């Protein structure tokens, strides 16, 4: 065994001892909320396809038709020859939904944040980020070389205190936050954060991966107060409620033009396959025309939280924090035996001592299955 293999083996053993080793499990998804794993049919409560659009006949047909017309891949980066004609249609639809002048689509949400943030901030600039911001927001901040300060989760006073103390020392400032926090399901106070940003001449950027399609008539977390918050940088993904793949930034035309020119993860990545872009266009059209579909995931989540005597869900994501990683794994295994797929979420994805079951609710979940899931959990020893 060479030194690399020794290192990997020792590291894996260390993670195994802490119940933190990860394993890939083959999982095939079918219509609705059903997943097949190890030959077992399971009702999945851990998928982010909130509107089940990845399985929608119109979405699948759009992907098939575009693939037949344009081929299976883009062939090059968007700035070379991979910017096929479907991109313009998708970016126009995204900008219209988000109330901005323009949009730019990336290969994934992670790539979007790794590209956008360093294109806007660098050495001599300041980033102020919510403590529970998604890992890719934090990674984008590190890549930028800007000074990064973290404020306590959703604590506006702490954010303002950091800005009051430090903002004047830096050229530009970005405030980063999730719109819907992916592991806790709560919402950022976007409208109030926008005011903090204005007060300190900072640029607010929200990651709306889990808001688009399911909050505020599908427009996402920047619209939950009934009007558009002043968020100049609305980032998000197409891989959750939109049901396909890719990331995006919705912003002013000048900002989007700068991102297309300077974001390294756009410049040096092959464009998305035409079928993926076409399917996202079809999904957005369905989101716009079906209000009952948009509303269903949050309604289902609230049915569960009420059955569990928990605070009303703010989004389709509901965490059940059990603390210990081994306990979370045991509960996940128990639910799988009963026909439910619910993944245990463990550090470092969540802070130490907050291992949890993370439930996600989709439009296709049946009320009877939600009630049965809640009954099983009420009878279980959760801690």
Protein backbone atom coordinates (compact mmCIF):
# COMPACT_ATOMS: atom_id res chain seq x y z
CA UNK A 1 0.00 0.00 0.00
CA UNK A 2 1.47 3.34 -1.02
CA UNK A 3 1.29 6.52 1.06
CA UNK A 4 -1.81 7.82 -0.75
CA UNK A 5 -3.72 4.60 -0.16
CA UNK A 6 -2.60 4.55 3.49
CA UNK A 7 -3.87 8.10 3.93
CA UNK A 8 -7.23 7.28 2.30
CA UNK A 9 -7.69 4.06 4.29
CA UNK A 10 -6.89 5.75 7.60
CA UNK A 11 -9.19 8.67 6.83
CA UNK A 12 -12.04 6.34 5.91
CA UNK A 13 -11.58 4.37 9.13
CA UNK A 14 -11.68 7.60 11.13
CA UNK A 15 -14.89 8.69 9.42
CA UNK A 16 -16.44 5.24 9.86
CA UNK A 17 -15.77 5.40 13.61
CA UNK A 18 -17.68 8.69 13.78
CA UNK A 19 -20.59 7.43 11.64
CA UNK A 20 -19.61 10.04 9.03
CA UNK A 21 -18.54 7.86 6.10
CA UNK A 22 -20.67 8.36 2.98
CA UNK A 23 -21.89 5.69 0.60
CA UNK A 24 -23.48 6.00 -2.83
CA UNK A 25 -26.71 4.01 -3.08
CA UNK A 26 -28.19 3.25 -6.48
CA UNK A 27 -31.64 4.81 -6.54
CA UNK A 28 -34.03 4.86 -9.49
CA UNK A 29 -36.85 7.37 -9.42
CA UNK A 30 -40.21 6.78 -11.06
CA UNK A 31 -43.39 8.82 -11.40
CA UNK A 32 -44.55 10.77 -8.39
CA UNK A 33 -42.66 10.36 -5.14
CA UNK A 34 -41.53 6.77 -5.64
CA UNK A 35 -37.92 5.59 -5.55
CA UNK A 36 -36.51 2.09 -6.09
CA UNK A 37 -33.50 1.15 -3.96
CA UNK A 38 -32.11 -2.36 -3.48
CA UNK A 39 -35.17 -3.68 -5.26
CA UNK A 40 -37.50 -2.07 -2.71
CA UNK A 41 -40.23 0.40 -3.64
CA UNK A 42 -39.95 3.37 -1.29
CA UNK A 43 -41.88 6.60 -0.85
CA UNK A 44 -39.17 9.24 -1.06
CA UNK A 45 -39.18 12.16 1.34
CA UNK A 46 -35.65 13.28 0.52
CA UNK A 47 -35.89 14.51 -3.09
CA UNK A 48 -35.72 18.19 -4.04
CA UNK A 49 -37.90 17.72 -7.14
CA UNK A 50 -40.66 19.60 -5.30
CA UNK A 51 -43.08 19.78 -8.24
CA UNK A 52 -42.11 16.38 -9.67
CA UNK A 53 -41.43 18.11 -12.98
CA UNK A 54 -38.48 15.89 -13.83
CA UNK A 55 -41.08 13.19 -14.50
CA UNK A 56 -43.62 15.42 -16.26
CA UNK A 57 -44.47 14.21 -19.80
CA UNK A 58 -44.13 17.70 -21.31
CA UNK A 59 -40.72 18.21 -19.73
CA UNK A 60 -39.43 14.84 -20.87
CA UNK A 61 -40.78 15.35 -24.36
CA UNK A 62 -39.09 18.76 -24.60
CA UNK A 63 -35.76 17.14 -23.72
CA UNK A 64 -36.27 14.39 -26.29
CA UNK A 65 -37.23 16.81 -29.06
CA UNK A 66 -34.29 19.14 -28.42
CA UNK A 67 -31.85 16.24 -28.28
CA UNK A 68 -33.16 14.96 -31.60
CA UNK A 69 -32.76 18.39 -33.17
CA UNK A 70 -29.53 19.68 -31.63
CA UNK A 71 -27.72 16.58 -30.33
CA UNK A 72 -26.82 15.20 -26.91
CA UNK A 73 -24.18 17.76 -25.93
CA UNK A 74 -23.33 21.44 -26.39
CA UNK A 75 -19.86 20.67 -27.73
CA UNK A 76 -17.98 23.62 -26.24
CA UNK A 77 -18.20 26.40 -23.70
CA UNK A 78 -20.91 28.99 -24.21
CA UNK A 79 -18.34 31.60 -25.24
CA UNK A 80 -16.92 29.37 -27.99
CA UNK A 81 -19.71 27.50 -29.78
CA UNK A 82 -21.80 25.93 -27.03
CA UNK A 83 -24.32 28.78 -26.71
CA UNK A 84 -27.13 27.06 -28.62
CA UNK A 85 -30.30 28.99 -29.44
CA UNK A 86 -32.34 27.58 -26.54
CA UNK A 87 -30.27 29.47 -23.97
CA UNK A 88 -31.74 32.83 -24.94
CA UNK A 89 -35.29 31.54 -24.46
CA UNK A 90 -34.47 30.12 -21.03
CA UNK A 91 -32.67 33.22 -19.81
CA UNK A 92 -35.51 35.45 -20.99
CA UNK A 93 -38.03 33.29 -19.11
CA UNK A 94 -35.94 33.38 -15.92
CA UNK A 95 -35.50 37.15 -16.05
CA UNK A 96 -39.24 37.63 -16.56
CA UNK A 97 -40.07 35.35 -13.62
CA UNK A 98 -37.60 37.11 -11.33
CA UNK A 99 -38.39 40.66 -12.47
CA UNK A 100 -34.91 41.49 -13.79
CA UNK A 101 -33.46 42.78 -17.04
CA UNK A 102 -31.45 39.67 -17.84
CA UNK A 103 -30.25 36.28 -16.66
CA UNK A 104 -27.23 34.03 -17.14
CA UNK A 105 -27.40 30.23 -16.94
CA UNK A 106 -24.50 28.13 -15.62
CA UNK A 107 -23.75 24.41 -15.63
CA UNK A 108 -24.94 24.03 -12.00
CA UNK A 109 -25.81 26.06 -8.95
CA UNK A 110 -22.44 25.26 -7.39
CA UNK A 111 -20.64 26.46 -10.53
CA UNK A 112 -22.76 29.60 -10.54
CA UNK A 113 -21.69 30.63 -7.04
CA UNK A 114 -18.05 29.72 -7.68
CA UNK A 115 -18.14 31.99 -10.72
CA UNK A 116 -20.37 34.91 -9.72
CA UNK A 117 -18.82 35.84 -6.38
CA UNK A 118 -15.16 36.05 -7.52
CA UNK A 119 -16.28 38.03 -10.58
CA UNK A 120 -17.77 40.70 -8.30
CA UNK A 121 -15.47 40.68 -5.25
CA UNK A 122 -11.75 40.30 -4.68
CA UNK A 123 -8.89 41.38 -2.43
CA UNK A 124 -9.78 44.70 -0.84
CA UNK A 125 -13.50 43.84 -0.76
CA UNK A 126 -15.71 42.53 2.05
CA UNK A 127 -18.17 39.62 2.13
CA UNK A 128 -20.67 39.36 4.98
CA UNK A 129 -22.42 35.97 4.98
CA UNK A 130 -25.13 34.26 7.01
CA UNK A 131 -23.61 31.48 9.14
CA UNK A 132 -25.85 28.86 7.51
CA UNK A 133 -25.24 29.94 3.92
CA UNK A 134 -24.83 27.02 1.52
CA UNK A 135 -21.33 25.61 1.15
CA UNK A 136 -21.02 26.90 -2.42
CA UNK A 137 -21.66 30.49 -1.33
CA UNK A 138 -18.87 30.14 1.23
CA UNK A 139 -16.61 28.46 -1.34
CA UNK A 140 -17.21 31.29 -3.79
CA UNK A 141 -16.26 33.75 -1.07
CA UNK A 142 -13.00 31.91 -0.39
CA UNK A 143 -12.11 31.82 -4.08
CA UNK A 144 -12.69 35.55 -4.39
CA UNK A 145 -9.90 36.50 -1.98
CA UNK A 146 -12.21 39.02 -0.29
CA UNK A 147 -12.33 39.29 3.49
CA UNK A 148 -15.26 37.18 4.73
CA UNK A 149 -17.14 37.84 7.97
CA UNK A 150 -19.99 35.63 9.18
CA UNK A 151 -23.10 36.86 10.98
CA UNK A 152 -25.27 34.73 13.23
CA UNK A 153 -28.05 32.96 11.37
CA UNK A 154 -30.79 35.41 10.34
CA UNK A 155 -29.51 37.94 12.89
CA UNK A 156 -29.99 41.33 11.23
CA UNK A 157 -28.54 43.21 14.19
CA UNK A 158 -25.32 41.18 14.02
CA UNK A 159 -25.05 41.72 10.27
CA UNK A 160 -25.51 45.47 10.73
CA UNK A 161 -22.98 45.51 13.57
CA UNK A 162 -20.33 43.83 11.39
CA UNK A 163 -21.00 46.28 8.58
CA UNK A 164 -20.97 49.27 10.88
CA UNK A 165 -17.59 48.21 12.23
CA UNK A 166 -15.87 47.06 9.06
CA UNK A 167 -17.62 48.34 5.91
CA UNK A 168 -15.65 51.60 5.61
CA UNK A 169 -12.36 49.71 5.38
CA UNK A 170 -13.26 48.00 2.10
CA UNK A 171 -13.97 49.05 -1.48
CA UNK A 172 -17.04 46.92 -2.24
CA UNK A 173 -19.20 44.66 -0.08
CA UNK A 174 -21.36 41.61 -0.82
CA UNK A 175 -23.99 40.24 1.59
CA UNK A 176 -24.59 36.53 0.98
CA UNK A 177 -27.48 34.39 2.18
CA UNK A 178 -29.70 31.51 1.17
CA UNK A 179 -33.27 32.57 0.47
CA UNK A 180 -34.52 29.23 1.82
CA UNK A 181 -31.98 27.46 4.00
CA UNK A 182 -31.44 24.01 2.58
CA UNK A 183 -30.97 22.06 5.81
CA UNK A 184 -33.40 23.94 8.08
CA UNK A 185 -36.12 25.02 5.67
CA UNK A 186 -36.49 28.48 7.20
CA UNK A 187 -36.47 31.70 5.18
CA UNK A 188 -34.00 34.56 5.20
CA UNK A 189 -35.50 37.98 6.09
CA UNK A 190 -34.78 39.10 2.53
CA UNK A 191 -36.71 42.37 2.59
CA UNK A 192 -35.00 43.47 5.81
CA UNK A 193 -31.58 42.34 4.58
CA UNK A 194 -32.10 44.42 1.45
CA UNK A 195 -32.56 47.47 3.68
CA UNK A 196 -29.38 46.63 5.60
CA UNK A 197 -27.55 46.37 2.28
CA UNK A 198 -28.83 49.79 1.21
CA UNK A 199 -27.85 51.33 4.56
CA UNK A 200 -24.23 50.21 4.12
CA UNK A 201 -23.90 50.42 0.33
CA UNK A 202 -23.58 46.66 -0.01
CA UNK A 203 -24.80 44.29 -2.74
CA UNK A 204 -27.22 41.60 -1.56
CA UNK A 205 -26.99 38.18 -3.22
CA UNK A 206 -29.53 35.46 -2.42
CA UNK A 207 -29.27 31.78 -3.30
CA UNK A 208 -32.87 30.85 -4.12
CA UNK A 209 -32.24 27.20 -4.97
CA UNK A 210 -35.13 26.03 -2.78
CA UNK A 211 -37.47 28.99 -3.33
CA UNK A 212 -38.04 29.21 -7.06
CA UNK A 213 -41.17 27.38 -8.16
CA UNK A 214 -42.67 26.92 -4.69
CA UNK A 215 -42.76 30.29 -2.91
CA UNK A 216 -44.57 33.53 -3.83
CA UNK A 217 -46.36 32.15 -6.90
CA UNK A 218 -43.16 30.46 -8.00
CA UNK A 219 -41.09 33.65 -8.08
CA UNK A 220 -39.14 32.67 -4.98
CA UNK A 221 -37.81 34.09 -1.74
CA UNK A 222 -37.32 37.67 -2.95
CA UNK A 223 -41.10 38.00 -3.34
CA UNK A 224 -42.50 36.43 -0.17
CA UNK A 225 -43.54 39.77 1.36
CA UNK A 226 -45.93 40.43 -1.50
CA UNK A 227 -43.60 42.65 -3.51
CA UNK A 228 -40.13 42.32 -5.01
CA UNK A 229 -37.34 42.90 -2.50
CA UNK A 230 -34.41 45.00 -3.64
CA UNK A 231 -32.07 42.10 -4.37
CA UNK A 232 -29.70 42.99 -7.20
CA UNK A 233 -28.26 39.44 -7.40
CA UNK A 234 -30.87 36.65 -7.47
CA UNK A 235 -29.06 33.36 -7.91
CA UNK A 236 -30.62 29.91 -7.94
CA UNK A 237 -30.76 26.47 -9.50
CA UNK A 238 -32.83 24.62 -12.06
CA UNK A 239 -32.32 21.27 -10.33
CA UNK A 240 -34.91 21.48 -7.56
CA UNK A 241 -38.48 22.60 -8.27
CA UNK A 242 -37.66 23.22 -11.94
CA UNK A 243 -36.75 19.54 -12.13
CA UNK A 244 -33.84 19.69 -14.59
CA UNK A 245 -30.26 20.91 -14.14
CA UNK A 246 -28.18 24.09 -14.11
CA UNK A 247 -27.77 27.31 -12.17
CA UNK A 248 -28.58 30.92 -12.95
CA UNK A 249 -28.12 34.53 -11.98
CA UNK A 250 -30.91 37.06 -12.55
CA UNK A 251 -29.71 40.66 -12.40
CA UNK A 252 -29.41 43.89 -14.39
CA UNK A 253 -28.20 43.72 -17.97
CA UNK A 254 -24.86 45.30 -17.13
CA UNK A 255 -24.20 42.88 -14.26
CA UNK A 256 -25.14 39.86 -16.37
CA UNK A 257 -22.91 41.06 -19.20
CA UNK A 258 -20.02 41.35 -16.74
CA UNK A 259 -20.68 37.83 -15.43
CA UNK A 260 -20.71 36.41 -18.96
CA UNK A 261 -17.37 38.10 -19.54
CA UNK A 262 -15.60 37.34 -16.25
CA UNK A 263 -17.11 34.29 -14.49
CA UNK A 264 -14.49 31.57 -14.88
CA UNK A 265 -16.94 28.72 -14.27
CA UNK A 266 -18.94 29.92 -17.27
CA UNK A 267 -15.95 30.69 -19.49
CA UNK A 268 -14.20 27.35 -18.92
CA UNK A 269 -17.19 24.97 -18.73
CA UNK A 270 -18.97 23.26 -21.60
CA UNK A 271 -22.53 24.50 -22.08
CA UNK A 272 -25.50 22.51 -20.84
CA UNK A 273 -26.88 19.93 -23.27
CA UNK A 274 -29.73 21.28 -25.42
CA UNK A 275 -32.14 18.74 -23.96
CA UNK A 276 -31.50 20.02 -20.44
CA UNK A 277 -32.11 23.64 -21.43
CA UNK A 278 -35.28 22.74 -23.35
CA UNK A 279 -36.66 20.79 -20.41
CA UNK A 280 -36.08 23.77 -18.09
CA UNK A 281 -38.01 26.03 -20.48
CA UNK A 282 -40.91 23.56 -20.43
CA UNK A 283 -40.82 23.35 -16.62
CA UNK A 284 -40.97 27.13 -16.19
CA UNK A 285 -44.01 27.27 -18.47
CA UNK A 286 -45.78 24.69 -16.28
CA UNK A 287 -44.84 26.57 -13.10
CA UNK A 288 -46.36 29.77 -14.47
CA UNK A 289 -49.64 28.19 -15.51
CA UNK A 290 -50.38 25.88 -12.53
CA UNK A 291 -50.89 27.73 -9.22
CA UNK A 292 -52.23 24.67 -7.41
CA UNK A 293 -49.10 22.72 -8.30
CA UNK A 294 -46.87 25.55 -7.02
CA UNK A 295 -48.73 25.68 -3.71
CA UNK A 296 -48.84 21.93 -3.05
CA UNK A 297 -45.34 21.25 -1.60
CA UNK A 298 -45.73 23.83 1.18
CA UNK A 299 -49.24 22.59 1.95
CA UNK A 300 -47.91 19.03 2.27
CA UNK A 301 -45.04 20.16 4.51
CA UNK A 302 -47.48 21.95 6.80
CA UNK A 303 -49.69 18.87 7.03
CA UNK A 304 -46.62 17.03 8.35
CA UNK A 305 -45.51 19.74 10.80
CA UNK A 306 -49.02 19.98 12.24
CA UNK A 307 -49.19 16.20 12.62
CA UNK A 308 -45.83 16.34 14.43
CA UNK A 309 -46.80 19.34 16.58
CA UNK A 310 -43.97 21.38 15.04
CA UNK A 311 -44.06 25.05 13.99
CA UNK A 312 -45.66 25.56 10.60
CA UNK A 313 -43.24 24.82 7.78
CA UNK A 314 -41.98 27.90 5.93
CA UNK A 315 -40.89 25.90 2.88
CA UNK A 316 -41.10 22.31 1.58
CA UNK A 317 -38.11 21.42 3.80
CA UNK A 318 -38.65 20.19 7.36
CA UNK A 319 -35.74 19.08 9.58
CA UNK A 320 -36.11 16.73 12.53
CA UNK A 321 -32.95 17.25 14.56
CA UNK A 322 -31.88 14.25 16.64
CA UNK A 323 -28.32 15.34 17.47
CA UNK A 324 -26.30 12.14 17.21
CA UNK A 325 -25.19 10.87 13.79
CA UNK A 326 -25.65 7.21 14.76
CA UNK A 327 -29.20 7.92 15.92
CA UNK A 328 -30.03 9.71 12.69
CA UNK A 329 -28.75 6.73 10.69
CA UNK A 330 -30.77 4.32 12.82
CA UNK A 331 -33.98 6.29 12.31
CA UNK A 332 -33.34 6.47 8.57
CA UNK A 333 -32.87 2.69 8.48
CA UNK A 334 -36.07 2.15 10.49
CA UNK A 335 -38.08 4.28 8.08
CA UNK A 336 -36.61 2.46 5.09
CA UNK A 337 -37.82 -0.85 6.51
CA UNK A 338 -41.29 0.71 6.72
CA UNK A 339 -41.18 1.83 3.09
CA UNK A 340 -39.93 5.42 3.39
CA UNK A 341 -36.73 6.91 2.00
CA UNK A 342 -35.44 9.67 4.30
CA UNK A 343 -31.69 10.31 4.30
CA UNK A 344 -29.82 11.07 7.51
CA UNK A 345 -27.94 14.37 7.26
CA UNK A 346 -24.71 14.45 9.27
CA UNK A 347 -21.72 16.74 9.85
CA UNK A 348 -20.02 18.45 8.11
CA UNK A 349 -23.16 19.16 6.08
CA UNK A 350 -24.75 20.36 9.33
CA UNK A 351 -23.02 21.53 12.54
CA UNK A 352 -21.76 19.01 15.07
CA UNK A 353 -24.51 17.80 17.37
CA UNK A 354 -27.30 18.60 14.89
CA UNK A 355 -27.52 15.41 12.81
CA UNK A 356 -31.03 15.13 11.51
CA UNK A 357 -33.61 13.63 9.25
CA UNK A 358 -34.39 16.13 6.51
CA UNK A 359 -37.84 15.73 5.01
CA UNK A 360 -38.72 17.30 1.67
CA UNK A 361 -42.31 17.44 0.46
CA UNK A 362 -43.47 17.34 -3.13
CA UNK A 363 -46.73 17.94 -4.93
CA UNK A 364 -47.06 14.20 -5.53
CA UNK A 365 -46.99 13.09 -1.90
CA UNK A 366 -50.28 11.55 -0.79
CA UNK A 367 -51.82 12.81 2.42
CA UNK A 368 -52.24 9.24 3.70
CA UNK A 369 -48.50 8.60 3.30
CA UNK A 370 -47.62 11.82 5.12
CA UNK A 371 -49.93 10.85 7.98
CA UNK A 372 -48.43 7.36 8.21
CA UNK A 373 -44.90 8.81 8.21
CA UNK A 374 -45.80 11.19 11.04
CA UNK A 375 -47.39 8.38 13.04
CA UNK A 376 -44.22 6.27 12.77
CA UNK A 377 -42.08 9.16 13.96
CA UNK A 378 -44.37 9.99 16.86
CA UNK A 379 -43.97 6.41 18.06
CA UNK A 380 -40.18 6.40 17.65
CA UNK A 381 -37.62 7.49 20.20
CA UNK A 382 -36.25 10.52 18.38
CA UNK A 383 -33.31 11.30 20.66
